[in-house]
N, C-alpha and C. Protein backbone atom coordinates (compact mmCIF):
# COMPACT_ATOMS: atom_id res chain seq x y z
N MET A 1 12.91 9.57 -13.75
CA MET A 1 12.23 8.31 -14.40
C MET A 1 11.02 7.59 -13.68
N GLY A 2 10.50 6.50 -14.48
CA GLY A 2 9.68 5.92 -13.70
C GLY A 2 9.64 4.80 -12.42
N PHE A 3 8.97 4.86 -11.96
CA PHE A 3 8.94 4.03 -10.44
C PHE A 3 9.64 2.39 -10.80
N SER A 4 9.19 1.93 -11.92
CA SER A 4 9.57 0.63 -11.87
C SER A 4 11.45 0.54 -12.37
N ASN A 5 11.75 1.71 -12.78
CA ASN A 5 13.09 1.89 -13.18
C ASN A 5 13.97 1.65 -11.77
N TYR A 6 13.42 1.64 -10.90
CA TYR A 6 13.89 1.77 -9.56
C TYR A 6 14.06 0.43 -8.78
N LYS A 7 15.22 -0.23 -8.62
CA LYS A 7 15.32 -1.37 -8.70
C LYS A 7 16.32 -1.50 -7.56
N ASP A 8 16.73 -0.30 -6.67
CA ASP A 8 17.46 -0.76 -5.32
C ASP A 8 17.01 0.33 -4.43
N ILE A 9 16.78 -0.13 -3.39
CA ILE A 9 16.38 0.93 -2.27
C ILE A 9 17.30 1.78 -1.77
N GLY A 10 18.30 1.52 -1.69
CA GLY A 10 19.72 2.20 -1.27
C GLY A 10 19.46 3.40 -2.54
N GLU A 11 19.59 3.18 -3.71
CA GLU A 11 19.80 4.36 -4.94
C GLU A 11 18.43 5.45 -4.58
N VAL A 12 17.42 4.51 -4.31
CA VAL A 12 15.95 5.65 -3.81
C VAL A 12 16.43 6.62 -2.50
N LEU A 13 16.98 5.83 -1.40
CA LEU A 13 17.44 6.74 -0.24
C LEU A 13 18.25 7.76 -0.51
N GLN A 14 19.25 7.36 -1.54
CA GLN A 14 20.41 8.45 -1.35
C GLN A 14 19.89 9.36 -2.49
N GLU A 15 19.50 9.45 -3.63
CA GLU A 15 18.80 10.46 -4.59
C GLU A 15 17.73 11.51 -3.87
N PHE A 16 16.80 10.82 -2.96
CA PHE A 16 15.86 11.80 -2.09
C PHE A 16 16.11 12.15 -0.65
N GLN A 17 17.69 11.72 -0.19
CA GLN A 17 18.13 11.85 0.99
C GLN A 17 17.16 11.16 2.17
N ILE A 18 17.07 10.28 1.98
CA ILE A 18 16.18 9.35 3.17
C ILE A 18 17.07 8.70 4.29
N THR A 19 16.50 8.61 5.29
CA THR A 19 16.74 7.86 6.23
C THR A 19 16.10 6.54 6.47
N TYR A 20 16.93 5.29 6.39
CA TYR A 20 16.00 3.93 6.70
C TYR A 20 16.35 3.49 7.87
N THR A 21 15.14 3.26 8.63
CA THR A 21 15.14 2.35 9.74
C THR A 21 14.57 1.22 9.77
N GLU A 22 14.69 0.17 10.63
CA GLU A 22 13.54 -0.93 10.84
C GLU A 22 12.92 -1.10 12.27
N ALA A 23 11.86 -0.95 12.62
CA ALA A 23 11.11 -1.51 13.71
C ALA A 23 9.91 -1.70 13.73
N ASN A 24 9.57 -1.85 14.75
CA ASN A 24 7.91 -2.72 14.87
C ASN A 24 6.91 -1.57 15.48
N PHE A 25 7.01 -0.74 14.09
CA PHE A 25 6.03 0.11 15.01
C PHE A 25 4.31 -0.40 14.36
N MET A 26 4.11 -1.00 13.52
CA MET A 26 2.80 -1.62 13.40
C MET A 26 1.91 -2.16 14.17
N GLU A 27 0.73 -1.63 14.65
CA GLU A 27 -0.03 -2.10 15.44
C GLU A 27 -1.52 -3.50 15.09
N GLU A 28 -1.58 -4.45 15.19
CA GLU A 28 -2.76 -4.98 14.63
C GLU A 28 -4.11 -4.48 15.81
N THR A 29 -4.71 -4.26 14.47
CA THR A 29 -6.23 -3.52 14.61
C THR A 29 -7.29 -4.71 14.52
N GLU A 30 -7.66 -5.10 14.99
CA GLU A 30 -8.69 -6.28 14.68
C GLU A 30 -9.56 -5.72 13.62
N PHE A 31 -9.75 -6.67 12.89
CA PHE A 31 -10.92 -6.60 11.71
C PHE A 31 -11.84 -7.84 11.79
N SER A 32 -13.07 -7.63 11.61
CA SER A 32 -14.34 -8.82 11.49
C SER A 32 -13.89 -9.18 9.88
N ILE A 33 -13.51 -10.39 9.55
CA ILE A 33 -13.44 -10.98 8.27
C ILE A 33 -14.87 -11.74 8.02
N PRO A 34 -15.66 -11.23 7.26
CA PRO A 34 -16.87 -11.98 6.79
C PRO A 34 -16.38 -13.76 6.31
N ASP A 35 -17.33 -14.69 7.08
CA ASP A 35 -17.38 -15.57 6.67
C ASP A 35 -17.17 -16.29 4.85
N TYR A 36 -18.02 -15.48 4.21
CA TYR A 36 -17.97 -15.68 2.69
C TYR A 36 -16.41 -15.43 2.40
N PHE A 37 -15.99 -14.39 2.97
CA PHE A 37 -14.53 -14.30 2.33
C PHE A 37 -13.74 -15.28 2.55
N ARG A 38 -13.41 -15.64 4.01
CA ARG A 38 -12.61 -16.85 4.37
C ARG A 38 -12.98 -17.96 3.45
N GLU A 39 -14.23 -18.35 3.31
CA GLU A 39 -14.16 -19.40 2.48
C GLU A 39 -14.13 -19.46 1.01
N ASP A 40 -14.04 -17.95 0.64
CA ASP A 40 -13.71 -18.02 -0.86
C ASP A 40 -12.30 -18.13 -1.16
N LEU A 41 -11.64 -17.58 -0.30
CA LEU A 41 -10.31 -17.59 -0.30
C LEU A 41 -9.85 -19.14 0.10
N VAL A 42 -10.38 -19.80 0.71
CA VAL A 42 -9.75 -21.11 0.79
C VAL A 42 -10.00 -21.62 -0.29
N PHE A 43 -11.24 -21.55 -0.73
CA PHE A 43 -11.53 -22.51 -2.05
C PHE A 43 -10.65 -22.29 -3.34
N MET A 44 -10.10 -20.60 -3.32
CA MET A 44 -9.13 -19.99 -4.57
C MET A 44 -8.04 -20.73 -4.57
N MET A 45 -7.38 -20.51 -3.12
CA MET A 45 -6.19 -21.23 -2.90
C MET A 45 -5.80 -22.82 -3.09
N ARG A 46 -7.07 -23.34 -3.01
CA ARG A 46 -7.13 -24.69 -3.09
C ARG A 46 -7.31 -25.37 -4.72
N GLU A 47 -8.52 -24.49 -5.32
CA GLU A 47 -8.63 -25.03 -6.46
C GLU A 47 -8.36 -24.26 -7.80
N ALA A 48 -7.86 -22.93 -7.61
CA ALA A 48 -7.87 -21.70 -8.90
C ALA A 48 -6.20 -22.03 -8.68
N VAL A 49 -5.67 -21.22 -9.89
CA VAL A 49 -4.51 -20.69 -10.18
C VAL A 49 -4.39 -19.54 -9.65
N VAL A 50 -3.92 -19.32 -8.51
CA VAL A 50 -3.92 -17.56 -8.25
C VAL A 50 -3.11 -16.87 -8.53
N ASP A 51 -1.83 -17.78 -8.82
CA ASP A 51 -0.18 -16.58 -9.10
C ASP A 51 0.36 -17.30 -10.38
N ASN A 52 -0.14 -17.47 -11.25
CA ASN A 52 0.27 -17.94 -12.80
C ASN A 52 1.07 -16.41 -13.23
N SER A 53 0.82 -15.80 -13.03
CA SER A 53 1.36 -14.09 -13.42
C SER A 53 0.80 -12.95 -12.74
N GLU A 54 1.55 -12.01 -13.04
CA GLU A 54 1.38 -10.67 -11.88
C GLU A 54 0.26 -10.16 -11.99
N PHE A 55 -0.61 -10.43 -13.15
CA PHE A 55 -2.15 -10.24 -12.88
C PHE A 55 -3.02 -11.05 -12.13
N ALA A 56 -2.47 -12.27 -12.27
CA ALA A 56 -3.34 -13.35 -11.08
C ALA A 56 -3.29 -12.92 -9.79
N VAL A 57 -2.08 -13.04 -9.54
CA VAL A 57 -1.35 -12.18 -8.03
C VAL A 57 -2.42 -11.11 -7.62
N CYS A 58 -2.28 -9.90 -8.51
CA CYS A 58 -3.26 -9.01 -8.25
C CYS A 58 -4.73 -9.22 -8.16
N GLU A 59 -5.38 -9.60 -8.96
CA GLU A 59 -6.66 -10.23 -9.12
C GLU A 59 -7.18 -10.95 -7.75
N ASN A 60 -6.10 -12.11 -7.61
CA ASN A 60 -6.98 -13.19 -7.23
C ASN A 60 -6.17 -13.00 -5.29
N LEU A 61 -5.44 -12.63 -5.25
CA LEU A 61 -4.90 -12.13 -3.78
C LEU A 61 -4.91 -11.00 -3.47
N ILE A 62 -4.23 -10.37 -4.07
CA ILE A 62 -4.06 -8.78 -3.42
C ILE A 62 -5.00 -7.91 -3.32
N TYR A 63 -6.01 -7.46 -4.48
CA TYR A 63 -6.88 -6.99 -4.46
C TYR A 63 -8.11 -7.20 -3.60
N PRO A 64 -8.74 -8.58 -3.40
CA PRO A 64 -9.66 -8.92 -2.77
C PRO A 64 -9.41 -8.67 -1.16
N VAL A 65 -7.94 -8.44 -0.78
CA VAL A 65 -7.76 -8.67 0.60
C VAL A 65 -8.03 -7.12 0.84
N LEU A 66 -7.54 -5.95 -0.25
CA LEU A 66 -7.50 -4.65 0.31
C LEU A 66 -9.08 -4.16 0.04
N LYS A 67 -9.62 -4.82 -0.55
CA LYS A 67 -11.04 -4.14 -1.13
C LYS A 67 -12.17 -4.64 0.17
N GLU A 68 -12.07 -5.92 0.83
CA GLU A 68 -12.43 -5.98 1.88
C GLU A 68 -12.51 -4.91 3.06
N VAL A 69 -11.26 -4.64 3.40
CA VAL A 69 -10.84 -3.67 4.40
C VAL A 69 -11.48 -2.35 3.87
N TRP A 70 -11.20 -1.97 2.36
CA TRP A 70 -11.43 -0.72 2.20
C TRP A 70 -13.34 -0.30 2.23
N LYS A 71 -13.93 -1.70 2.11
CA LYS A 71 -15.27 -1.47 2.54
C LYS A 71 -15.59 -0.57 3.68
N SER A 72 -14.99 -0.93 4.73
CA SER A 72 -15.05 -0.17 5.97
C SER A 72 -14.73 1.55 5.96
N TYR A 73 -14.21 2.13 4.99
CA TYR A 73 -13.56 3.15 4.79
C TYR A 73 -13.81 3.88 3.70
N TYR A 74 -14.99 3.56 2.82
CA TYR A 74 -15.21 3.79 1.43
C TYR A 74 -15.42 5.46 1.52
N THR A 75 -16.31 5.85 2.81
CA THR A 75 -16.95 7.26 2.79
C THR A 75 -16.01 8.18 2.90
N LYS A 76 -14.63 7.74 3.20
CA LYS A 76 -13.47 8.87 3.37
C LYS A 76 -12.36 8.58 2.14
N PHE A 77 -12.48 7.61 1.46
CA PHE A 77 -11.40 7.00 0.61
C PHE A 77 -11.67 6.66 -0.39
N VAL A 78 -10.80 6.41 -1.60
CA VAL A 78 -11.27 5.57 -2.98
C VAL A 78 -10.09 4.67 -3.35
N LEU A 79 -10.31 3.50 -3.14
CA LEU A 79 -9.07 2.41 -3.82
C LEU A 79 -9.04 2.40 -5.27
N TRP A 80 -7.89 3.02 -6.04
CA TRP A 80 -7.57 3.08 -6.93
C TRP A 80 -6.92 1.87 -7.38
N SER A 81 -6.70 1.26 -8.78
CA SER A 81 -6.09 0.23 -8.88
C SER A 81 -5.34 0.50 -10.72
N HIS A 82 -4.34 0.46 -10.45
CA HIS A 82 -3.05 1.01 -11.70
C HIS A 82 -3.43 2.02 -12.30
N LYS A 83 -3.65 2.92 -11.14
CA LYS A 83 -3.91 4.72 -11.54
C LYS A 83 -2.66 5.53 -11.73
N SER A 84 -2.67 6.06 -12.80
CA SER A 84 -1.33 6.94 -13.15
C SER A 84 -1.06 7.93 -11.52
N LEU A 85 0.23 7.81 -11.71
CA LEU A 85 0.60 8.92 -10.04
C LEU A 85 2.08 9.63 -10.84
N THR A 86 1.98 10.82 -10.89
CA THR A 86 2.91 11.78 -11.38
C THR A 86 3.17 12.93 -10.54
N TYR A 87 4.32 12.84 -10.33
CA TYR A 87 4.77 14.16 -9.46
C TYR A 87 5.56 15.10 -10.50
N ASP A 88 6.32 14.52 -11.13
CA ASP A 88 7.13 15.09 -12.08
C ASP A 88 8.04 13.88 -13.13
N GLN A 89 8.83 14.51 -14.14
CA GLN A 89 8.91 13.30 -14.86
C GLN A 89 9.99 12.08 -14.41
N ASN A 90 10.79 12.66 -13.30
CA ASN A 90 11.82 11.51 -12.75
C ASN A 90 10.76 10.72 -11.49
N ILE A 91 9.89 11.04 -11.28
CA ILE A 91 8.79 10.20 -10.31
C ILE A 91 7.38 10.14 -10.62
N CYS A 92 7.09 8.93 -11.73
CA CYS A 92 6.16 8.83 -12.02
C CYS A 92 5.68 7.30 -12.60
N GLY A 93 4.59 6.75 -12.61
CA GLY A 93 4.28 5.73 -13.05
C GLY A 93 2.74 4.99 -12.83
N PHE A 94 2.73 3.58 -12.61
CA PHE A 94 1.37 3.33 -12.03
C PHE A 94 1.41 2.23 -11.21
N PRO A 95 1.55 2.76 -9.86
CA PRO A 95 1.22 1.85 -8.45
C PRO A 95 0.42 0.71 -9.07
N GLU A 96 0.41 -0.17 -8.27
CA GLU A 96 -0.67 -1.21 -8.39
C GLU A 96 -2.22 -0.85 -7.79
N TYR A 97 -1.63 -0.16 -6.60
CA TYR A 97 -2.95 0.43 -5.70
C TYR A 97 -2.54 1.50 -4.95
N ILE A 98 -3.35 2.08 -4.84
CA ILE A 98 -3.58 3.57 -4.08
C ILE A 98 -4.65 3.73 -3.25
N LEU A 99 -4.41 4.47 -2.12
CA LEU A 99 -5.90 4.85 -1.26
C LEU A 99 -5.77 6.02 -1.19
N ALA A 100 -6.72 6.82 -2.00
CA ALA A 100 -6.72 8.33 -1.87
C ALA A 100 -8.03 8.70 -1.26
N LYS A 101 -7.77 10.04 -0.52
CA LYS A 101 -9.11 10.79 -0.58
C LYS A 101 -9.87 10.89 -1.43
N ARG A 102 -11.36 10.41 -1.05
CA ARG A 102 -12.32 11.12 -1.64
C ARG A 102 -12.94 12.26 -1.96
N SER A 103 -13.02 12.25 -3.14
CA SER A 103 -13.11 13.60 -3.35
C SER A 103 -14.46 14.15 -3.03
N PRO A 104 -14.82 15.62 -2.77
CA PRO A 104 -16.29 15.89 -2.81
C PRO A 104 -16.96 16.13 -4.05
N LEU A 105 -16.22 15.97 -4.92
CA LEU A 105 -16.71 16.06 -6.06
C LEU A 105 -17.08 14.67 -6.70
N GLY A 106 -17.10 13.58 -5.80
CA GLY A 106 -17.18 12.48 -6.77
C GLY A 106 -16.02 11.54 -6.80
N LYS A 107 -16.50 9.76 -6.93
CA LYS A 107 -15.47 8.89 -6.94
C LYS A 107 -14.56 9.05 -8.09
N PHE A 108 -14.90 10.03 -8.89
CA PHE A 108 -14.03 9.72 -10.32
C PHE A 108 -12.82 10.75 -10.41
N VAL A 109 -12.71 11.62 -8.96
CA VAL A 109 -11.77 12.81 -9.12
C VAL A 109 -10.81 12.00 -8.22
N PHE A 110 -9.38 12.11 -8.69
CA PHE A 110 -7.98 11.70 -7.83
C PHE A 110 -7.58 12.59 -6.76
N GLU A 111 -7.80 12.43 -5.54
CA GLU A 111 -7.26 13.22 -4.52
C GLU A 111 -6.18 12.90 -4.09
N LYS A 112 -5.71 13.39 -2.96
CA LYS A 112 -4.46 13.40 -2.22
C LYS A 112 -4.10 11.85 -1.93
N PRO A 113 -3.14 11.11 -2.49
CA PRO A 113 -2.93 9.75 -1.73
C PRO A 113 -2.14 9.44 -0.80
N TYR A 114 -2.58 8.26 0.05
CA TYR A 114 -2.27 8.13 1.91
C TYR A 114 -1.38 6.80 1.75
N PHE A 115 -1.63 5.64 0.80
CA PHE A 115 -0.78 4.55 1.09
C PHE A 115 -0.89 4.06 -0.46
N LEU A 116 0.40 3.34 -0.94
CA LEU A 116 0.54 2.64 -2.17
C LEU A 116 0.90 1.31 -1.81
N LEU A 117 0.39 0.57 -2.44
CA LEU A 117 0.87 -1.04 -2.94
C LEU A 117 1.72 -1.31 -4.15
N VAL A 118 2.63 -1.73 -3.72
CA VAL A 118 3.77 -2.73 -4.97
C VAL A 118 3.48 -3.83 -5.11
N GLU A 119 3.29 -4.71 -6.29
CA GLU A 119 3.45 -6.24 -6.09
C GLU A 119 5.06 -6.65 -6.33
N ALA A 120 5.70 -7.24 -5.30
CA ALA A 120 6.68 -7.94 -5.42
C ALA A 120 7.05 -8.83 -6.73
N LYS A 121 7.15 -8.56 -7.68
CA LYS A 121 7.00 -9.33 -8.78
C LYS A 121 8.46 -10.34 -8.96
N GLN A 122 7.91 -11.70 -9.08
CA GLN A 122 8.57 -12.92 -9.23
C GLN A 122 9.05 -13.03 -7.89
N ASP A 123 8.73 -12.32 -6.59
CA ASP A 123 9.02 -12.67 -5.51
C ASP A 123 10.19 -11.76 -5.25
N LYS A 124 10.67 -10.76 -5.66
CA LYS A 124 11.64 -9.85 -5.43
C LYS A 124 11.29 -8.75 -4.69
N PHE A 125 11.44 -8.74 -3.20
CA PHE A 125 10.85 -7.82 -2.19
C PHE A 125 11.67 -6.60 -2.23
N ASP A 126 12.99 -7.04 -2.40
CA ASP A 126 13.85 -5.70 -2.17
C ASP A 126 13.60 -4.88 -3.64
N GLU A 127 13.55 -5.18 -4.75
CA GLU A 127 13.01 -4.60 -5.29
C GLU A 127 11.79 -3.81 -5.63
N GLY A 128 10.78 -4.38 -5.23
CA GLY A 128 9.42 -3.77 -4.56
C GLY A 128 9.47 -2.46 -3.80
N TRP A 129 10.05 -2.91 -2.64
CA TRP A 129 10.52 -1.56 -2.07
C TRP A 129 11.10 -0.42 -2.39
N ALA A 130 12.10 -0.83 -3.31
CA ALA A 130 12.77 0.47 -4.38
C ALA A 130 11.66 1.30 -5.02
N GLN A 131 11.06 0.49 -5.49
CA GLN A 131 9.69 1.30 -6.62
C GLN A 131 8.84 1.64 -5.60
N CYS A 132 8.34 0.67 -4.38
CA CYS A 132 7.09 1.44 -3.56
C CYS A 132 8.00 2.83 -2.62
N LEU A 133 8.84 2.67 -2.54
CA LEU A 133 9.55 4.13 -1.75
C LEU A 133 9.58 5.28 -2.74
N ALA A 134 9.94 5.10 -3.98
CA ALA A 134 9.74 6.01 -4.89
C ALA A 134 8.55 6.86 -5.14
N GLU A 135 7.37 5.68 -4.85
CA GLU A 135 6.13 6.25 -5.12
C GLU A 135 5.51 6.88 -3.77
N MET A 136 6.12 6.45 -2.76
CA MET A 136 5.85 7.05 -1.59
C MET A 136 6.20 8.40 -1.37
N VAL A 137 7.64 8.68 -2.04
CA VAL A 137 8.41 9.89 -2.32
C VAL A 137 7.51 11.08 -3.12
N ALA A 138 6.77 10.22 -4.22
CA ALA A 138 6.08 11.06 -4.99
C ALA A 138 4.47 11.44 -4.09
N ALA A 139 4.01 10.43 -3.19
CA ALA A 139 2.64 10.83 -3.00
C ALA A 139 3.10 11.92 -1.70
N GLN A 140 4.15 11.79 -0.79
CA GLN A 140 4.32 12.79 0.00
C GLN A 140 4.68 14.14 -0.63
N LYS A 141 5.23 14.28 -1.88
CA LYS A 141 5.61 15.84 -2.79
C LYS A 141 3.96 15.73 -2.95
N LEU A 142 3.00 15.20 -3.37
CA LEU A 142 1.85 15.72 -3.61
C LEU A 142 0.75 16.28 -2.73
N ASN A 143 1.30 15.54 -1.38
CA ASN A 143 0.21 16.31 -0.15
C ASN A 143 1.38 17.16 0.36
N ASN A 144 2.09 17.81 -0.55
CA ASN A 144 2.79 19.26 -0.05
C ASN A 144 3.71 18.93 0.73
N GLU A 145 4.76 18.04 0.48
CA GLU A 145 6.05 17.24 1.23
C GLU A 145 5.74 17.10 2.46
N LEU A 146 5.99 17.64 3.41
CA LEU A 146 6.29 16.66 4.71
C LEU A 146 5.30 16.74 5.81
N LYS A 147 4.23 16.89 5.49
CA LYS A 147 2.93 17.13 6.26
C LYS A 147 2.03 15.32 6.69
N VAL A 148 1.97 14.78 5.50
CA VAL A 148 1.55 13.60 5.94
C VAL A 148 2.36 12.42 5.97
N THR A 149 2.31 11.27 6.73
CA THR A 149 2.71 10.04 6.92
C THR A 149 2.26 8.98 5.48
N ILE A 150 3.32 8.75 4.70
CA ILE A 150 2.83 7.91 3.41
C ILE A 150 2.71 6.48 4.03
N PHE A 151 1.85 5.76 3.61
CA PHE A 151 2.10 4.05 4.12
C PHE A 151 2.15 3.21 3.00
N GLY A 152 3.10 2.25 3.00
CA GLY A 152 3.52 1.46 1.89
C GLY A 152 3.60 0.17 2.14
N ILE A 153 3.08 -0.77 1.26
CA ILE A 153 2.80 -2.25 1.22
C ILE A 153 3.53 -2.48 -0.16
N VAL A 154 4.13 -3.89 0.04
CA VAL A 154 4.81 -4.56 -1.10
C VAL A 154 4.54 -5.85 -0.65
N SER A 155 3.85 -6.62 -1.73
CA SER A 155 3.17 -8.05 -1.34
C SER A 155 3.60 -8.57 -2.88
N ASN A 156 3.72 -10.14 -2.70
CA ASN A 156 3.56 -11.25 -3.65
C ASN A 156 2.31 -12.13 -3.76
N GLY A 157 1.33 -11.55 -2.56
CA GLY A 157 0.13 -11.99 -2.90
C GLY A 157 -0.10 -13.12 -1.58
N LYS A 158 1.16 -13.70 -1.44
CA LYS A 158 1.03 -14.80 0.08
C LYS A 158 1.78 -14.18 0.97
N GLY A 159 2.81 -13.05 0.68
CA GLY A 159 3.44 -12.43 1.74
C GLY A 159 3.23 -10.86 1.84
N TRP A 160 3.05 -10.33 3.05
CA TRP A 160 3.06 -8.85 2.90
C TRP A 160 4.10 -8.24 3.91
N GLU A 161 4.63 -7.04 3.09
CA GLU A 161 5.30 -6.18 4.30
C GLU A 161 5.13 -4.69 4.24
N PHE A 162 5.49 -4.08 5.13
CA PHE A 162 4.81 -3.04 5.77
C PHE A 162 6.07 -1.72 5.89
N GLY A 163 5.57 -0.44 5.70
CA GLY A 163 6.73 0.57 5.61
C GLY A 163 6.09 1.86 5.49
N LYS A 164 6.53 2.66 6.40
CA LYS A 164 5.77 3.97 6.38
C LYS A 164 6.91 5.25 5.93
N LEU A 165 6.71 6.38 5.38
CA LEU A 165 7.63 7.42 5.60
C LEU A 165 6.99 8.84 6.00
N GLU A 166 8.04 9.14 6.83
CA GLU A 166 7.44 10.31 7.82
C GLU A 166 8.53 11.12 7.58
N LYS A 167 8.36 12.18 6.84
CA LYS A 167 9.04 13.57 6.48
C LYS A 167 10.23 13.05 5.73
N ARG A 168 11.66 12.83 6.21
CA ARG A 168 12.52 12.14 5.73
C ARG A 168 13.31 10.84 6.03
N ASN A 169 12.17 10.19 6.73
CA ASN A 169 12.52 8.95 7.53
C ASN A 169 11.48 7.99 7.12
N PHE A 170 12.07 6.36 6.12
CA PHE A 170 11.62 5.80 6.13
C PHE A 170 11.55 4.55 6.93
N MET A 171 10.82 3.93 7.82
CA MET A 171 10.52 2.86 8.44
C MET A 171 10.02 1.51 7.83
N HIS A 172 11.07 0.46 8.06
CA HIS A 172 10.80 -0.63 7.66
C HIS A 172 10.09 -1.52 8.71
N HIS A 173 8.79 -2.14 8.49
CA HIS A 173 8.25 -2.84 9.77
C HIS A 173 8.71 -4.03 9.75
N GLN A 174 9.28 -4.45 10.56
CA GLN A 174 10.16 -6.20 10.69
C GLN A 174 9.04 -7.45 10.52
N GLY A 175 9.25 -7.88 9.77
CA GLY A 175 8.23 -9.25 9.54
C GLY A 175 7.54 -9.32 8.41
N LEU A 176 7.31 -10.82 7.89
CA LEU A 176 6.37 -10.83 6.60
C LEU A 176 5.19 -11.29 7.33
N TYR A 177 3.95 -10.97 6.66
CA TYR A 177 2.72 -11.48 7.32
C TYR A 177 2.24 -12.51 5.89
N ALA A 178 1.90 -13.63 6.18
CA ALA A 178 1.46 -14.48 5.22
C ALA A 178 -0.09 -14.28 5.09
N ILE A 179 -0.31 -14.81 4.10
CA ILE A 179 -1.92 -15.12 3.75
C ILE A 179 -2.57 -15.89 4.34
N GLN A 180 -1.84 -17.08 4.56
CA GLN A 180 -2.59 -18.04 5.59
C GLN A 180 -3.07 -17.69 6.95
N GLU A 181 -2.16 -16.54 7.53
CA GLU A 181 -2.60 -15.88 8.80
C GLU A 181 -3.58 -14.82 8.70
N ILE A 182 -4.85 -14.89 8.43
CA ILE A 182 -5.07 -14.45 7.41
C ILE A 182 -6.01 -13.24 8.54
N ASP A 183 -6.33 -13.63 9.90
CA ASP A 183 -6.80 -12.38 10.50
C ASP A 183 -5.51 -11.72 11.19
N ARG A 184 -4.29 -11.99 11.16
CA ARG A 184 -3.25 -11.17 11.69
C ARG A 184 -3.17 -10.01 10.49
N LEU A 185 -3.10 -10.77 9.16
CA LEU A 185 -2.69 -9.85 8.01
C LEU A 185 -3.88 -8.91 7.82
N PHE A 186 -5.07 -9.06 7.97
CA PHE A 186 -6.10 -8.11 7.93
C PHE A 186 -6.06 -6.90 9.03
N ALA A 187 -5.61 -7.37 10.31
CA ALA A 187 -5.70 -6.53 11.36
C ALA A 187 -4.34 -5.63 11.19
N MET A 188 -3.24 -5.77 10.60
CA MET A 188 -2.11 -5.14 10.24
C MET A 188 -2.61 -4.17 8.95
N ILE A 189 -3.07 -4.71 7.98
CA ILE A 189 -4.00 -3.86 6.71
C ILE A 189 -5.22 -2.78 7.25
N ASN A 190 -5.94 -3.20 8.15
CA ASN A 190 -6.63 -2.43 9.14
C ASN A 190 -6.09 -1.42 9.64
N TYR A 191 -4.96 -1.64 10.15
CA TYR A 191 -4.05 -0.55 11.04
C TYR A 191 -3.76 0.65 10.02
N VAL A 192 -3.11 0.46 8.63
CA VAL A 192 -2.88 1.32 7.84
C VAL A 192 -4.16 1.87 7.31
N PHE A 193 -4.94 1.43 7.10
CA PHE A 193 -6.46 2.24 6.90
C PHE A 193 -6.87 3.12 7.79
N GLN A 194 -6.88 2.47 9.25
CA GLN A 194 -7.23 3.36 10.52
C GLN A 194 -6.05 4.88 10.34
N GLN A 195 -4.77 4.54 10.31
CA GLN A 195 -3.73 5.53 10.43
C GLN A 195 -4.23 6.60 9.28
N CYS A 196 -4.70 6.32 7.89
CA CYS A 196 -4.77 6.95 7.04
C CYS A 196 -5.88 7.81 7.12
N GLU A 197 -6.92 7.19 7.88
CA GLU A 197 -8.59 8.00 8.21
C GLU A 197 -8.32 9.00 9.75
N VAL A 198 -7.05 8.48 10.45
CA VAL A 198 -6.84 9.60 11.32
C VAL A 198 -6.03 10.50 11.00
N GLN A 199 -5.14 10.70 10.33
CA GLN A 199 -4.55 11.60 9.67
C GLN A 199 -5.61 12.72 8.85
N LEU A 200 -6.55 12.10 7.76
CA LEU A 200 -7.11 12.79 7.52
C LEU A 200 -8.23 13.40 8.03
N ASN A 201 -8.83 12.81 8.90
CA ASN A 201 -9.63 13.59 10.26
C ASN A 201 -9.11 15.17 10.77
N GLU A 202 -7.64 14.61 11.27
CA GLU A 202 -6.67 15.76 11.97
C GLU A 202 -6.77 17.20 10.69
N LEU A 203 -6.46 16.61 9.63
CA LEU A 203 -6.21 17.77 8.52
C LEU A 203 -7.45 18.09 8.27
N VAL A 204 -8.77 17.80 8.50
CA VAL A 204 -10.17 18.57 8.23
C VAL A 204 -10.20 19.39 9.24
N VAL A 205 -9.92 19.06 10.48
CA VAL A 205 -10.07 19.60 11.80
C VAL A 205 -9.22 20.86 11.75
N ALA A 206 -7.95 20.82 11.41
CA ALA A 206 -6.79 21.90 11.01
C ALA A 206 -7.50 22.97 10.20
């Protein structure tokens, strides 16, 4: 079934026989945020209606943050928006955002996914993680099952949570990171991008 049909993370864990744990595995990896981005974010949060719909949250809060970090990694990865992700008829759909390997054939060719972001619609983070984990399972299978650690992010724009799927183990990072703590948030997202790059480089060497 489609990713959006998953509402309970326990259902996903049971269906795919995945073990759930919680730990502080993320590391803040410093990222230099341009002044123009800080100023624009402050302006948008103060003057714009940034969260009146799911689309507004994605366009005004989530995508700008991801895009700013992705700019430092664009030679290795493409950041896809609402791109179809399909392993089989049971796990398929359209994640809000996917970070995938940049194909040697160019930016229009979709390669192996490394992390996925799901919007916590109506602030329902539990449902967001059920959907995100199903997407992470699909991404893992597309990467030939167990060789790559898949990262996941669930966000309502103002709060961000992180997790990773490694083999048959899903680890949920403890803590919610607020967009108001912009330096810490960027450092966490930068860590995810950096870990994806490390894995990509290791696979190239292998």
